[in-house]
């Protein structure tokens, strides 16, 4: 039981960091698009 919980919390941390990286990349892309439009 405890081992499974540790695995789940680890995967949640990985998912959170992955989500943050995706948000940063999206932010960079949108900034580039805005600069190109202007």
PDB file of N, CA and C in Angstrom:
ATOM      1  N   UNK A   1       0.841  -1.197   0.000  1.00  0.00           N
ATOM      2  CA  UNK A   1       0.000   0.000   0.000  1.00  0.00           C
ATOM      3  C   UNK A   1       0.883   1.257   0.000  1.00  0.00           C
ATOM      4  N   UNK A   2       1.808   1.314   0.949  1.00  0.00           N
ATOM      5  CA  UNK A   2       2.671   2.495   1.044  1.00  0.00           C
ATOM      6  C   UNK A   2       3.532   2.630  -0.216  1.00  0.00           C
ATOM      7  N   UNK A   3       4.024   1.498  -0.724  1.00  0.00           N
ATOM      8  CA  UNK A   3       4.873   1.524  -1.919  1.00  0.00           C
ATOM      9  C   UNK A   3       4.097   2.094  -3.116  1.00  0.00           C
ATOM     10  N   UNK A   4       2.851   1.655  -3.268  1.00  0.00           N
ATOM     11  CA  UNK A   4       2.028   2.157  -4.370  1.00  0.00           C
ATOM     12  C   UNK A   4       1.819   3.666  -4.240  1.00  0.00           C
ATOM     13  N   UNK A   5       1.586   4.122  -3.002  1.00  0.00           N
ATOM     14  CA  UNK A   5       1.360   5.555  -2.789  1.00  0.00           C
ATOM     15  C   UNK A   5       2.609   6.347  -3.191  1.00  0.00           C
ATOM     16  N   UNK A   6       3.800   5.792  -2.850  1.00  0.00           N
ATOM     17  CA  UNK A   6       5.045   6.478  -3.211  1.00  0.00           C
ATOM     18  C   UNK A   6       5.166   6.590  -4.735  1.00  0.00           C
ATOM     19  N   UNK A   7       4.811   5.514  -5.437  1.00  0.00           N
ATOM     20  CA  UNK A   7       4.873   5.540  -6.899  1.00  0.00           C
ATOM     21  C   UNK A   7       3.918   6.597  -7.446  1.00  0.00           C
ATOM     22  N   UNK A   8       2.718   6.647  -6.890  1.00  0.00           N
ATOM     23  CA  UNK A   8       1.724   7.607  -7.373  1.00  0.00           C
ATOM     24  C   UNK A   8       2.198   9.039  -7.146  1.00  0.00           C
ATOM     25  N   UNK A   9       2.719   9.330  -5.965  1.00  0.00           N
ATOM     26  CA  UNK A   9       3.175  10.695  -5.684  1.00  0.00           C
ATOM     27  C   UNK A   9       4.329  11.059  -6.625  1.00  0.00           C
ATOM     28  N   UNK A  10       5.193  10.097  -6.919  1.00  0.00           N
ATOM     29  CA  UNK A  10       6.300  10.357  -7.838  1.00  0.00           C
ATOM     30  C   UNK A  10       5.794  10.688  -9.232  1.00  0.00           C
ATOM     31  N   UNK A  11       4.817   9.919  -9.710  1.00  0.00           N
ATOM     32  CA  UNK A  11       4.278  10.171 -11.048  1.00  0.00           C
ATOM     33  C   UNK A  11       3.564  11.517 -11.084  1.00  0.00           C
ATOM     34  N   UNK A  12       2.944  11.898  -9.973  1.00  0.00           N
ATOM     35  CA  UNK A  12       2.260  13.204  -9.916  1.00  0.00           C
ATOM     36  C   UNK A  12       3.293  14.320 -10.033  1.00  0.00           C
ATOM     37  N   UNK A  13       4.422  14.179  -9.349  1.00  0.00           N
ATOM     38  CA  UNK A  13       5.478  15.201  -9.431  1.00  0.00           C
ATOM     39  C   UNK A  13       5.996  15.312 -10.862  1.00  0.00           C
ATOM     40  N   UNK A  14       6.199  14.155 -11.511  1.00  0.00           N
ATOM     41  CA  UNK A  14       6.686  14.155 -12.898  1.00  0.00           C
ATOM     42  C   UNK A  14       5.670  14.843 -13.804  1.00  0.00           C
ATOM     43  N   UNK A  15       4.389  14.538 -13.600  1.00  0.00           N
ATOM     44  CA  UNK A  15       3.340  15.140 -14.430  1.00  0.00           C
ATOM     45  C   UNK A  15       3.304  16.650 -14.226  1.00  0.00           C
ATOM     46  N   UNK A  16       3.463  17.093 -12.980  1.00  0.00           N
ATOM     47  CA  UNK A  16       3.436  18.532 -12.697  1.00  0.00           C
ATOM     48  C   UNK A  16       4.604  19.237 -13.376  1.00  0.00           C
ATOM     49  N   UNK A  17       5.807  18.682 -13.257  1.00  0.00           N
ATOM     50  CA  UNK A  17       6.971  19.323 -13.872  1.00  0.00           C
ATOM     51  C   UNK A  17       6.831  19.328 -15.395  1.00  0.00           C
ATOM     52  N   UNK A  18       6.301  18.226 -15.956  1.00  0.00           N
ATOM     53  CA  UNK A  18       6.091  18.145 -17.404  1.00  0.00           C
ATOM     54  C   UNK A  18       5.095  19.215 -17.850  1.00  0.00           C
ATOM     55  N   UNK A  19       4.030  19.407 -17.056  1.00  0.00           N
ATOM     56  CA  UNK A  19       3.007  20.416 -17.370  1.00  0.00           C
ATOM     57  C   UNK A  19       3.619  21.816 -17.354  1.00  0.00           C
ATOM     58  N   UNK A  20       4.486  22.076 -16.373  1.00  0.00           N
ATOM     59  CA  UNK A  20       5.132  23.394 -16.272  1.00  0.00           C
ATOM     60  C   UNK A  20       6.011  23.643 -17.496  1.00  0.00           C
ATOM     61  N   UNK A  21       6.751  22.618 -17.921  1.00  0.00           N
ATOM     62  CA  UNK A  21       7.619  22.763 -19.096  1.00  0.00           C
ATOM     63  C   UNK A  21       6.776  23.056 -20.335  1.00  0.00           C
ATOM     64  N   UNK A  22       5.652  22.347 -20.466  1.00  0.00           N
ATOM     65  CA  UNK A  22       4.765  22.572 -21.617  1.00  0.00           C
ATOM     66  C   UNK A  22       4.234  24.002 -21.608  1.00  0.00           C
ATOM     67  N   UNK A  23       3.859  24.490 -20.430  1.00  0.00           N
ATOM     68  CA  UNK A  23       3.347  25.865 -20.334  1.00  0.00           C
ATOM     69  C   UNK A  23       4.423  26.860 -20.754  1.00  0.00           C
ATOM     70  N   UNK A  24       5.650  26.627 -20.327  1.00  0.00           N
ATOM     71  CA  UNK A  24       6.747  27.540 -20.694  1.00  0.00           C
ATOM     72  C   UNK A  24       6.948  27.555 -22.201  1.00  0.00           C
ATOM     73  N   UNK A  25       6.942  26.363 -22.817  1.00  0.00           N
ATOM     74  CA  UNK A  25       7.135  26.273 -24.269  1.00  0.00           C
ATOM     75  C   UNK A  25       6.001  26.983 -25.000  1.00  0.00           C
ATOM     76  N   UNK A  26       4.770  26.779 -24.529  1.00  0.00           N
ATOM     77  CA  UNK A  26       3.620  27.454 -25.150  1.00  0.00           C
ATOM     78  C   UNK A  26       3.776  28.966 -25.034  1.00  0.00           C
ATOM     79  N   UNK A  27       4.240  29.420 -23.871  1.00  0.00           N
ATOM     80  CA  UNK A  27       4.427  30.856 -23.643  1.00  0.00           C
ATOM     81  C   UNK A  27       5.460  31.422 -24.619  1.00  0.00           C
ATOM     82  N   UNK A  28       6.569  30.685 -24.802  1.00  0.00           N
ATOM     83  CA  UNK A  28       7.613  31.134 -25.732  1.00  0.00           C
ATOM     84  C   UNK A  28       7.051  31.218 -27.151  1.00  0.00           C
ATOM     85  N   UNK A  29       6.312  30.177 -27.560  1.00  0.00           N
ATOM     86  CA  UNK A  29       5.767  30.130 -28.921  1.00  0.00           C
ATOM     87  C   UNK A  29       4.798  31.284 -29.140  1.00  0.00           C
ATOM     88  N   UNK A  30       3.914  31.523 -28.171  1.00  0.00           N
ATOM     89  CA  UNK A  30       2.931  32.606 -28.334  1.00  0.00           C
ATOM     90  C   UNK A  30       3.650  33.954 -28.399  1.00  0.00           C
ATOM     91  N   UNK A  31       4.702  34.123 -27.618  1.00  0.00           N
ATOM     92  CA  UNK A  31       5.455  35.381 -27.659  1.00  0.00           C
ATOM     93  C   UNK A  31       6.088  35.579 -29.035  1.00  0.00           C
ATOM     94  N   UNK A  32       6.657  34.503 -29.591  1.00  0.00           N
ATOM     95  CA  UNK A  32       7.262  34.594 -30.921  1.00  0.00           C
ATOM     96  C   UNK A  32       6.206  34.943 -31.962  1.00  0.00           C
ATOM     97  N   UNK A  33       5.037  34.318 -31.861  1.00  0.00           N
ATOM     98  CA  UNK A  33       3.954  34.584 -32.815  1.00  0.00           C
ATOM     99  C   UNK A  33       3.546  36.052 -32.733  1.00  0.00           C
ATOM    100  N   UNK A  34       3.401  36.573 -31.514  1.00  0.00           N
ATOM    101  CA  UNK A  34       2.996  37.974 -31.334  1.00  0.00           C
ATOM    102  C   UNK A  34       4.056  38.906 -31.920  1.00  0.00           C
ATOM    103  N   UNK A  35       5.328  38.583 -31.686  1.00  0.00           N
ATOM    104  CA  UNK A  35       6.398  39.429 -32.226  1.00  0.00           C
ATOM    105  C   UNK A  35       6.368  39.415 -33.753  1.00  0.00           C
ATOM    106  N   UNK A  36       6.113  38.249 -34.354  1.00  0.00           N
ATOM    107  CA  UNK A  36       6.069  38.150 -35.816  1.00  0.00           C
ATOM    108  C   UNK A  36       4.898  38.956 -36.367  1.00  0.00           C
ATOM    109  N   UNK A  37       3.768  38.909 -35.681  1.00  0.00           N
ATOM    110  CA  UNK A  37       2.579  39.638 -36.146  1.00  0.00           C
ATOM    111  C   UNK A  37       2.837  41.140 -36.099  1.00  0.00           C
ATOM    112  N   UNK A  38       3.477  41.604 -35.034  1.00  0.00           N
ATOM    113  CA  UNK A  38       3.774  43.032 -34.920  1.00  0.00           C
ATOM    114  C   UNK A  38       4.982  43.375 -35.798  1.00  0.00           C
TER     115      UNK A  38
END
